[in-house]
Amino acid sequence: GSKLSFVDAIRETGASCAHTAVIFSYGIFPETERTL
């Protein structure tokens, strides 16, 4: 969920953002992939 605000800010400039990269993902919440 915390990624969405950053992505929206990027897209508001007219740029696109279709990928996010992290070192660590909790990997235990089924809604994560769906939310993104």
PDB file of all heavy atoms in Angstrom:
ATOM      1  N   GLY A   1       0.782  -1.229   0.000  1.00  0.00           N
ATOM      2  CA  GLY A   1       0.000   0.000   0.000  1.00  0.00           C
ATOM      3  C   GLY A   1       0.816   1.282   0.000  1.00  0.00           C
ATOM      4  O   GLY A   1       0.438   2.277  -0.626  1.00  0.00           O
ATOM      5  N   SER A   2       1.951   1.273   0.699  1.00  0.00           N
ATOM      6  CA  SER A   2       2.751   2.497   0.809  1.00  0.00           C
ATOM      7  C   SER A   2       3.372   2.910  -0.514  1.00  0.00           C
ATOM      8  O   SER A   2       3.776   4.062  -0.688  1.00  0.00           O
ATOM      9  CB  SER A   2       3.850   2.310   1.860  1.00  0.00           C
ATOM     10  OG  SER A   2       4.767   1.310   1.451  1.00  0.00           O
ATOM     11  N   LYS A   3       3.465   1.997  -1.456  1.00  0.00           N
ATOM     12  CA  LYS A   3       4.084   2.314  -2.751  1.00  0.00           C
ATOM     13  C   LYS A   3       3.170   3.167  -3.629  1.00  0.00           C
ATOM     14  O   LYS A   3       3.640   3.905  -4.498  1.00  0.00           O
ATOM     15  CB  LYS A   3       4.415   1.027  -3.517  1.00  0.00           C
ATOM     16  CG  LYS A   3       5.273   0.048  -2.754  1.00  0.00           C
ATOM     17  CD  LYS A   3       6.689   0.542  -2.663  1.00  0.00           C
ATOM     18  CE  LYS A   3       7.533  -0.375  -1.795  1.00  0.00           C
ATOM     19  NZ  LYS A   3       7.235  -0.271  -0.352  1.00  0.00           N
ATOM     20  N   LEU A   4       1.868   3.077  -3.426  1.00  0.00           N
ATOM     21  CA  LEU A   4       0.920   3.665  -4.368  1.00  0.00           C
ATOM     22  C   LEU A   4       1.015   5.183  -4.448  1.00  0.00           C
ATOM     23  O   LEU A   4       0.894   5.761  -5.524  1.00  0.00           O
ATOM     24  CB  LEU A   4      -0.501   3.241  -3.998  1.00  0.00           C
ATOM     25  CG  LEU A   4      -0.731   1.717  -3.885  1.00  0.00           C
ATOM     26  CD1 LEU A   4      -2.211   1.427  -3.712  1.00  0.00           C
ATOM     27  CD2 LEU A   4      -0.155   0.970  -5.073  1.00  0.00           C
ATOM     28  N   SER A   5       1.235   5.834  -3.312  1.00  0.00           N
ATOM     29  CA  SER A   5       1.343   7.292  -3.312  1.00  0.00           C
ATOM     30  C   SER A   5       2.562   7.746  -4.105  1.00  0.00           C
ATOM     31  O   SER A   5       2.501   8.731  -4.856  1.00  0.00           O
ATOM     32  CB  SER A   5       1.425   7.810  -1.873  1.00  0.00           C
ATOM     33  OG  SER A   5       1.631   9.209  -1.851  1.00  0.00           O
ATOM     34  N   PHE A   6       3.674   7.045  -3.958  1.00  0.00           N
ATOM     35  CA  PHE A   6       4.875   7.372  -4.720  1.00  0.00           C
ATOM     36  C   PHE A   6       4.647   7.176  -6.217  1.00  0.00           C
ATOM     37  O   PHE A   6       5.061   7.991  -7.041  1.00  0.00           O
ATOM     38  CB  PHE A   6       6.049   6.510  -4.261  1.00  0.00           C
ATOM     39  CG  PHE A   6       6.569   6.840  -2.885  1.00  0.00           C
ATOM     40  CD1 PHE A   6       6.943   5.828  -2.016  1.00  0.00           C
ATOM     41  CD2 PHE A   6       6.700   8.151  -2.460  1.00  0.00           C
ATOM     42  CE1 PHE A   6       7.440   6.110  -0.750  1.00  0.00           C
ATOM     43  CE2 PHE A   6       7.190   8.453  -1.193  1.00  0.00           C
ATOM     44  CZ  PHE A   6       7.554   7.426  -0.337  1.00  0.00           C
ATOM     45  N   VAL A   7       3.988   6.080  -6.557  1.00  0.00           N
ATOM     46  CA  VAL A   7       3.710   5.794  -7.968  1.00  0.00           C
ATOM     47  C   VAL A   7       2.810   6.869  -8.561  1.00  0.00           C
ATOM     48  O   VAL A   7       3.033   7.341  -9.684  1.00  0.00           O
ATOM     49  CB  VAL A   7       3.064   4.404  -8.117  1.00  0.00           C
ATOM     50  CG1 VAL A   7       2.591   4.176  -9.553  1.00  0.00           C
ATOM     51  CG2 VAL A   7       4.065   3.319  -7.731  1.00  0.00           C
ATOM     52  N   ASP A   8       1.795   7.269  -7.809  1.00  0.00           N
ATOM     53  CA  ASP A   8       0.892   8.312  -8.296  1.00  0.00           C
ATOM     54  C   ASP A   8       1.638   9.622  -8.532  1.00  0.00           C
ATOM     55  O   ASP A   8       1.375  10.340  -9.511  1.00  0.00           O
ATOM     56  CB  ASP A   8      -0.244   8.538  -7.295  1.00  0.00           C
ATOM     57  CG  ASP A   8      -1.245   7.385  -7.279  1.00  0.00           C
ATOM     58  OD1 ASP A   8      -1.240   6.580  -8.233  1.00  0.00           O
ATOM     59  OD2 ASP A   8      -2.011   7.277  -6.307  1.00  0.00           O
ATOM     60  N   ALA A   9       2.575   9.948  -7.639  1.00  0.00           N
ATOM     61  CA  ALA A   9       3.355  11.180  -7.801  1.00  0.00           C
ATOM     62  C   ALA A   9       4.193  11.123  -9.081  1.00  0.00           C
ATOM     63  O   ALA A   9       4.333  12.122  -9.794  1.00  0.00           O
ATOM     64  CB  ALA A   9       4.252  11.394  -6.584  1.00  0.00           C
ATOM     65  N   ILE A  10       4.757   9.958  -9.363  1.00  0.00           N
ATOM     66  CA  ILE A  10       5.529   9.789 -10.601  1.00  0.00           C
ATOM     67  C   ILE A  10       4.630   9.986 -11.815  1.00  0.00           C
ATOM     68  O   ILE A  10       4.960  10.724 -12.751  1.00  0.00           O
ATOM     69  CB  ILE A  10       6.176   8.390 -10.637  1.00  0.00           C
ATOM     70  CG1 ILE A  10       7.272   8.278  -9.577  1.00  0.00           C
ATOM     71  CG2 ILE A  10       6.752   8.088 -12.027  1.00  0.00           C
ATOM     72  CD1 ILE A  10       7.795   6.873  -9.378  1.00  0.00           C
ATOM     73  N   ARG A  11       3.474   9.355 -11.808  1.00  0.00           N
ATOM     74  CA  ARG A  11       2.576   9.404 -12.952  1.00  0.00           C
ATOM     75  C   ARG A  11       2.001  10.791 -13.171  1.00  0.00           C
ATOM     76  O   ARG A  11       1.663  11.157 -14.304  1.00  0.00           O
ATOM     77  CB  ARG A  11       1.462   8.365 -12.770  1.00  0.00           C
ATOM     78  CG  ARG A  11       1.987   6.931 -12.851  1.00  0.00           C
ATOM     79  CD  ARG A  11       0.921   5.914 -12.513  1.00  0.00           C
ATOM     80  NE  ARG A  11       1.442   4.549 -12.647  1.00  0.00           N
ATOM     81  CZ  ARG A  11       0.777   3.464 -12.244  1.00  0.00           C
ATOM     82  NH1 ARG A  11      -0.420   3.590 -11.678  1.00  0.00           N
ATOM     83  NH2 ARG A  11       1.325   2.261 -12.399  1.00  0.00           N
ATOM     84  N   GLU A  12       1.878  11.567 -12.096  1.00  0.00           N
ATOM     85  CA  GLU A  12       1.356  12.928 -12.243  1.00  0.00           C
ATOM     86  C   GLU A  12       2.278  13.817 -13.064  1.00  0.00           C
ATOM     87  O   GLU A  12       1.849  14.839 -13.605  1.00  0.00           O
ATOM     88  CB  GLU A  12       1.119  13.542 -10.860  1.00  0.00           C
ATOM     89  CG  GLU A  12      -0.117  12.981 -10.153  1.00  0.00           C
ATOM     90  CD  GLU A  12      -0.194  13.418  -8.701  1.00  0.00           C
ATOM     91  OE1 GLU A  12       0.663  14.233  -8.279  1.00  0.00           O
ATOM     92  OE2 GLU A  12      -1.092  12.930  -7.983  1.00  0.00           O
ATOM     93  N   THR A  13       3.542  13.443 -13.193  1.00  0.00           N
ATOM     94  CA  THR A  13       4.478  14.219 -14.010  1.00  0.00           C
ATOM     95  C   THR A  13       4.353  13.895 -15.494  1.00  0.00           C
ATOM     96  O   THR A  13       4.970  14.570 -16.323  1.00  0.00           O
ATOM     97  CB  THR A  13       5.934  13.937 -13.596  1.00  0.00           C
ATOM     98  OG1 THR A  13       6.295  12.605 -13.978  1.00  0.00           O
ATOM     99  CG2 THR A  13       6.127  14.106 -12.098  1.00  0.00           C
ATOM    100  N   GLY A  14       3.588  12.855 -15.808  1.00  0.00           N
ATOM    101  CA  GLY A  14       3.503  12.393 -17.185  1.00  0.00           C
ATOM    102  C   GLY A  14       4.434  11.233 -17.470  1.00  0.00           C
ATOM    103  O   GLY A  14       4.434  10.677 -18.571  1.00  0.00           O
ATOM    104  N   ALA A  15       5.254  10.879 -16.473  1.00  0.00           N
ATOM    105  CA  ALA A  15       6.107   9.692 -16.591  1.00  0.00           C
ATOM    106  C   ALA A  15       5.267   8.457 -16.270  1.00  0.00           C
ATOM    107  O   ALA A  15       4.154   8.557 -15.754  1.00  0.00           O
ATOM    108  CB  ALA A  15       7.289   9.796 -15.645  1.00  0.00           C
ATOM    109  N   SER A  16       5.812   7.286 -16.568  1.00  0.00           N
ATOM    110  CA  SER A  16       5.130   6.039 -16.240  1.00  0.00           C
ATOM    111  C   SER A  16       5.931   5.268 -15.199  1.00  0.00           C
ATOM    112  O   SER A  16       7.152   5.413 -15.096  1.00  0.00           O
ATOM    113  CB  SER A  16       4.947   5.171 -17.491  1.00  0.00           C
ATOM    114  OG  SER A  16       6.199   4.745 -18.008  1.00  0.00           O
ATOM    115  N   CYS A  17       5.239   4.473 -14.420  1.00  0.00           N
ATOM    116  CA  CYS A  17       5.888   3.613 -13.423  1.00  0.00           C
ATOM    117  C   CYS A  17       5.118   2.313 -13.360  1.00  0.00           C
ATOM    118  O   CYS A  17       3.986   2.281 -12.874  1.00  0.00           O
ATOM    119  CB  CYS A  17       5.930   4.286 -12.053  1.00  0.00           C
ATOM    120  SG  CYS A  17       6.768   3.291 -10.795  1.00  0.00           S
ATOM    121  N   ALA A  18       5.706   1.251 -13.876  1.00  0.00           N
ATOM    122  CA  ALA A  18       5.058  -0.062 -13.904  1.00  0.00           C
ATOM    123  C   ALA A  18       5.811  -1.097 -13.093  1.00  0.00           C
ATOM    124  O   ALA A  18       5.393  -2.256 -13.015  1.00  0.00           O
ATOM    125  CB  ALA A  18       4.918  -0.541 -15.350  1.00  0.00           C
ATOM    126  N   HIS A  19       6.934  -0.674 -12.458  1.00  0.00           N
ATOM    127  CA  HIS A  19       7.768  -1.623 -11.709  1.00  0.00           C
ATOM    128  C   HIS A  19       8.286  -0.986 -10.435  1.00  0.00           C
ATOM    129  O   HIS A  19       8.666   0.194 -10.421  1.00  0.00           O
ATOM    130  CB  HIS A  19       8.963  -2.073 -12.550  1.00  0.00           C
ATOM    131  CG  HIS A  19       8.579  -2.795 -13.811  1.00  0.00           C
ATOM    132  ND1 HIS A  19       8.495  -4.171 -13.885  1.00  0.00           N
ATOM    133  CD2 HIS A  19       8.266  -2.320 -15.044  1.00  0.00           C
ATOM    134  CE1 HIS A  19       8.143  -4.514 -15.119  1.00  0.00           C
ATOM    135  NE2 HIS A  19       8.000  -3.407 -15.830  1.00  0.00           N
ATOM    136  N   THR A  20       8.323  -1.781  -9.363  1.00  0.00           N
ATOM    137  CA  THR A  20       8.973  -1.357  -8.123  1.00  0.00           C
ATOM    138  C   THR A  20       9.883  -2.472  -7.646  1.00  0.00           C
ATOM    139  O   THR A  20       9.546  -3.652  -7.758  1.00  0.00           O
ATOM    140  CB  THR A  20       7.943  -0.988  -7.039  1.00  0.00           C
ATOM    141  OG1 THR A  20       8.639  -0.514  -5.864  1.00  0.00           O
ATOM    142  CG2 THR A  20       7.075  -2.164  -6.659  1.00  0.00           C
ATOM    143  N   ALA A  21      11.052  -2.103  -7.135  1.00  0.00           N
ATOM    144  CA  ALA A  21      12.043  -3.077  -6.690  1.00  0.00           C
ATOM    145  C   ALA A  21      12.387  -2.825  -5.226  1.00  0.00           C
ATOM    146  O   ALA A  21      12.610  -1.678  -4.827  1.00  0.00           O
ATOM    147  CB  ALA A  21      13.304  -2.989  -7.547  1.00  0.00           C
ATOM    148  N   VAL A  22      12.421  -3.897  -4.444  1.00  0.00           N
ATOM    149  CA  VAL A  22      12.749  -3.803  -3.023  1.00  0.00           C
ATOM    150  C   VAL A  22      13.718  -4.930  -2.659  1.00  0.00           C
ATOM    151  O   VAL A  22      13.765  -5.966  -3.327  1.00  0.00           O
ATOM    152  CB  VAL A  22      11.492  -3.911  -2.132  1.00  0.00           C
ATOM    153  CG1 VAL A  22      10.512  -2.788  -2.440  1.00  0.00           C
ATOM    154  CG2 VAL A  22      10.803  -5.266  -2.313  1.00  0.00           C
ATOM    155  N   ILE A  23      14.457  -4.713  -1.600  1.00  0.00           N
ATOM    156  CA  ILE A  23      15.323  -5.772  -1.089  1.00  0.00           C
ATOM    157  C   ILE A  23      14.484  -6.861  -0.457  1.00  0.00           C
ATOM    158  O   ILE A  23      14.708  -8.056  -0.686  1.00  0.00           O
ATOM    159  CB  ILE A  23      16.311  -5.202  -0.062  1.00  0.00           C
ATOM    160  CG1 ILE A  23      17.234  -4.178  -0.720  1.00  0.00           C
ATOM    161  CG2 ILE A  23      17.123  -6.309   0.603  1.00  0.00           C
ATOM    162  CD1 ILE A  23      17.989  -3.317   0.272  1.00  0.00           C
ATOM    163  N   PHE A  24      13.485  -6.443   0.320  1.00  0.00           N
ATOM    164  CA  PHE A  24      12.739  -7.390   1.141  1.00  0.00           C
ATOM    165  C   PHE A  24      11.237  -7.215   0.967  1.00  0.00           C
ATOM    166  O   PHE A  24      10.730  -6.094   1.039  1.00  0.00           O
ATOM    167  CB  PHE A  24      13.095  -7.188   2.623  1.00  0.00           C
ATOM    168  CG  PHE A  24      12.470  -8.176   3.542  1.00  0.00           C
ATOM    169  CD1 PHE A  24      13.030  -9.436   3.721  1.00  0.00           C
ATOM    170  CD2 PHE A  24      11.313  -7.871   4.231  1.00  0.00           C
ATOM    171  CE1 PHE A  24      12.450 -10.358   4.576  1.00  0.00           C
ATOM    172  CE2 PHE A  24      10.717  -8.782   5.088  1.00  0.00           C
ATOM    173  CZ  PHE A  24      11.293 -10.031   5.261  1.00  0.00           C
ATOM    174  N   SER A  25      10.545  -8.313   0.724  1.00  0.00           N
ATOM    175  CA  SER A  25       9.081  -8.328   0.698  1.00  0.00           C
ATOM    176  C   SER A  25       8.592  -9.280   1.782  1.00  0.00           C
ATOM    177  O   SER A  25       9.120 -10.388   1.922  1.00  0.00           O
ATOM    178  CB  SER A  25       8.576  -8.800  -0.669  1.00  0.00           C
ATOM    179  OG  SER A  25       7.168  -8.996  -0.639  1.00  0.00           O
ATOM    180  N   TYR A  26       7.597  -8.856   2.545  1.00  0.00           N
ATOM    181  CA  TYR A  26       7.093  -9.730   3.603  1.00  0.00           C
ATOM    182  C   TYR A  26       6.708 -11.102   3.051  1.00  0.00           C
ATOM    183  O   TYR A  26       6.973 -12.128   3.657  1.00  0.00           O
ATOM    184  CB  TYR A  26       5.888  -9.084   4.299  1.00  0.00           C
ATOM    185  CG  TYR A  26       6.253  -8.234   5.489  1.00  0.00           C
ATOM    186  CD1 TYR A  26       7.254  -7.266   5.404  1.00  0.00           C
ATOM    187  CD2 TYR A  26       5.591  -8.382   6.703  1.00  0.00           C
ATOM    188  CE1 TYR A  26       7.584  -6.487   6.495  1.00  0.00           C
ATOM    189  CE2 TYR A  26       5.913  -7.607   7.800  1.00  0.00           C
ATOM    190  CZ  TYR A  26       6.912  -6.662   7.695  1.00  0.00           C
ATOM    191  OH  TYR A  26       7.243  -5.893   8.783  1.00  0.00           O
ATOM    192  N   GLY A  27       6.032 -11.125   1.902  1.00  0.00           N
ATOM    193  CA  GLY A  27       5.719 -12.393   1.257  1.00  0.00           C
ATOM    194  C   GLY A  27       4.707 -13.250   1.988  1.00  0.00           C
ATOM    195  O   GLY A  27       4.632 -14.461   1.745  1.00  0.00           O
ATOM    196  N   ILE A  28       3.922 -12.640   2.882  1.00  0.00           N
ATOM    197  CA  ILE A  28       2.961 -13.422   3.664  1.00  0.00           C
ATOM    198  C   ILE A  28       1.533 -12.892   3.547  1.00  0.00           C
ATOM    199  O   ILE A  28       0.599 -13.544   4.014  1.00  0.00           O
ATOM    200  CB  ILE A  28       3.353 -13.466   5.160  1.00  0.00           C
ATOM    201  CG1 ILE A  28       3.509 -12.049   5.725  1.00  0.00           C
ATOM    202  CG2 ILE A  28       4.643 -14.270   5.340  1.00  0.00           C
ATOM    203  CD1 ILE A  28       3.770 -11.996   7.216  1.00  0.00           C
ATOM    204  N   PHE A  29       1.372 -11.730   2.941  1.00  0.00           N
ATOM    205  CA  PHE A  29       0.047 -11.141   2.797  1.00  0.00           C
ATOM    206  C   PHE A  29      -0.445 -11.335   1.362  1.00  0.00           C
ATOM    207  O   PHE A  29       0.125 -10.764   0.421  1.00  0.00           O
ATOM    208  CB  PHE A  29       0.063  -9.659   3.149  1.00  0.00           C
ATOM    209  CG  PHE A  29       0.486  -9.376   4.562  1.00  0.00           C
ATOM    210  CD1 PHE A  29       1.587  -8.581   4.839  1.00  0.00           C
ATOM    211  CD2 PHE A  29      -0.223  -9.920   5.624  1.00  0.00           C
ATOM    212  CE1 PHE A  29       1.978  -8.319   6.137  1.00  0.00           C
ATOM    213  CE2 PHE A  29       0.159  -9.676   6.936  1.00  0.00           C
ATOM    214  CZ  PHE A  29       1.261  -8.876   7.193  1.00  0.00           C
ATOM    215  N   PRO A  30      -1.488 -12.136   1.161  1.00  0.00           N
ATOM    216  CA  PRO A  30      -1.943 -12.449  -0.194  1.00  0.00           C
ATOM    217  C   PRO A  30      -2.413 -11.235  -0.976  1.00  0.00           C
ATOM    218  O   PRO A  30      -2.429 -11.255  -2.207  1.00  0.00           O
ATOM    219  CB  PRO A  30      -3.084 -13.446   0.035  1.00  0.00           C
ATOM    220  CG  PRO A  30      -3.531 -13.220   1.448  1.00  0.00           C
ATOM    221  CD  PRO A  30      -2.311 -12.822   2.196  1.00  0.00           C
ATOM    222  N   GLU A  31      -2.775 -10.165  -0.282  1.00  0.00           N
ATOM    223  CA  GLU A  31      -3.300  -8.994  -0.984  1.00  0.00           C
ATOM    224  C   GLU A  31      -2.196  -8.134  -1.604  1.00  0.00           C
ATOM    225  O   GLU A  31      -2.490  -7.238  -2.401  1.00  0.00           O
ATOM    226  CB  GLU A  31      -4.136  -8.129  -0.035  1.00  0.00           C
ATOM    227  CG  GLU A  31      -3.376  -7.460   1.089  1.00  0.00           C
ATOM    228  CD  GLU A  31      -3.343  -8.277   2.363  1.00  0.00           C
ATOM    229  OE1 GLU A  31      -3.464  -9.513   2.291  1.00  0.00           O
ATOM    230  OE2 GLU A  31      -3.182  -7.675   3.441  1.00  0.00           O
ATOM    231  N   THR A  32      -0.935  -8.392  -1.254  1.00  0.00           N
ATOM    232  CA  THR A  32       0.153  -7.540  -1.736  1.00  0.00           C
ATOM    233  C   THR A  32       0.220  -7.493  -3.252  1.00  0.00           C
ATOM    234  O   THR A  32       0.176  -6.419  -3.866  1.00  0.00           O
ATOM    235  CB  THR A  32       1.507  -8.019  -1.181  1.00  0.00           C
ATOM    236  OG1 THR A  32       1.459  -8.015   0.247  1.00  0.00           O
ATOM    237  CG2 THR A  32       2.624  -7.102  -1.659  1.00  0.00           C
ATOM    238  N   GLU A  33       0.359  -8.644  -3.875  1.00  0.00           N
ATOM    239  CA  GLU A  33       0.469  -8.702  -5.331  1.00  0.00           C
ATOM    240  C   GLU A  33      -0.780  -8.138  -6.001  1.00  0.00           C
ATOM    241  O   GLU A  33      -0.692  -7.449  -7.010  1.00  0.00           O
ATOM    242  CB  GLU A  33       0.710 -10.141  -5.791  1.00  0.00           C
ATOM    243  CG  GLU A  33       2.031 -10.734  -5.334  1.00  0.00           C
ATOM    244  CD  GLU A  33       3.214 -10.185  -6.108  1.00  0.00           C
ATOM    245  OE1 GLU A  33       3.001  -9.472  -7.115  1.00  0.00           O
ATOM    246  OE2 GLU A  33       4.366 -10.456  -5.712  1.00  0.00           O
ATOM    247  N   ARG A  34      -1.945  -8.407  -5.415  1.00  0.00           N
ATOM    248  CA  ARG A  34      -3.196  -7.911  -5.988  1.00  0.00           C
ATOM    249  C   ARG A  34      -3.269  -6.390  -5.908  1.00  0.00           C
ATOM    250  O   ARG A  34      -3.666  -5.724  -6.877  1.00  0.00           O
ATOM    251  CB  ARG A  34      -4.390  -8.536  -5.255  1.00  0.00           C
ATOM    252  CG  ARG A  34      -5.749  -8.146  -5.848  1.00  0.00           C
ATOM    253  CD  ARG A  34      -6.874  -8.936  -5.213  1.00  0.00           C
ATOM    254  NE  ARG A  34      -6.999  -8.703  -3.787  1.00  0.00           N
ATOM    255  CZ  ARG A  34      -6.691  -9.601  -2.850  1.00  0.00           C
ATOM    256  NH1 ARG A  34      -6.196 -10.770  -3.199  1.00  0.00           N
ATOM    257  NH2 ARG A  34      -6.848  -9.313  -1.571  1.00  0.00           N
ATOM    258  N   THR A  35      -2.884  -5.828  -4.767  1.00  0.00           N
ATOM    259  CA  THR A  35      -2.895  -4.374  -4.599  1.00  0.00           C
ATOM    260  C   THR A  35      -2.010  -3.695  -5.630  1.00  0.00           C
ATOM    261  O   THR A  35      -2.402  -2.712  -6.267  1.00  0.00           O
ATOM    262  CB  THR A  35      -2.410  -3.993  -3.183  1.00  0.00           C
ATOM    263  OG1 THR A  35      -3.338  -4.527  -2.217  1.00  0.00           O
ATOM    264  CG2 THR A  35      -2.319  -2.490  -3.021  1.00  0.00           C
ATOM    265  N   LEU A  36      -0.809  -4.230  -5.806  1.00  0.00           N
ATOM    266  CA  LEU A  36       0.128  -3.653  -6.762  1.00  0.00           C
ATOM    267  C   LEU A  36      -0.334  -3.866  -8.199  1.00  0.00           C
ATOM    268  O   LEU A  36      -0.256  -2.956  -9.030  1.00  0.00           O
ATOM    269  CB  LEU A  36       1.514  -4.252  -6.556  1.00  0.00           C
ATOM    270  CG  LEU A  36       2.172  -3.944  -5.196  1.00  0.00           C
ATOM    271  CD1 LEU A  36       3.481  -4.700  -5.052  1.00  0.00           C
ATOM    272  CD2 LEU A  36       2.403  -2.450  -5.032  1.00  0.00           C
TER     273      LEU A  36
END
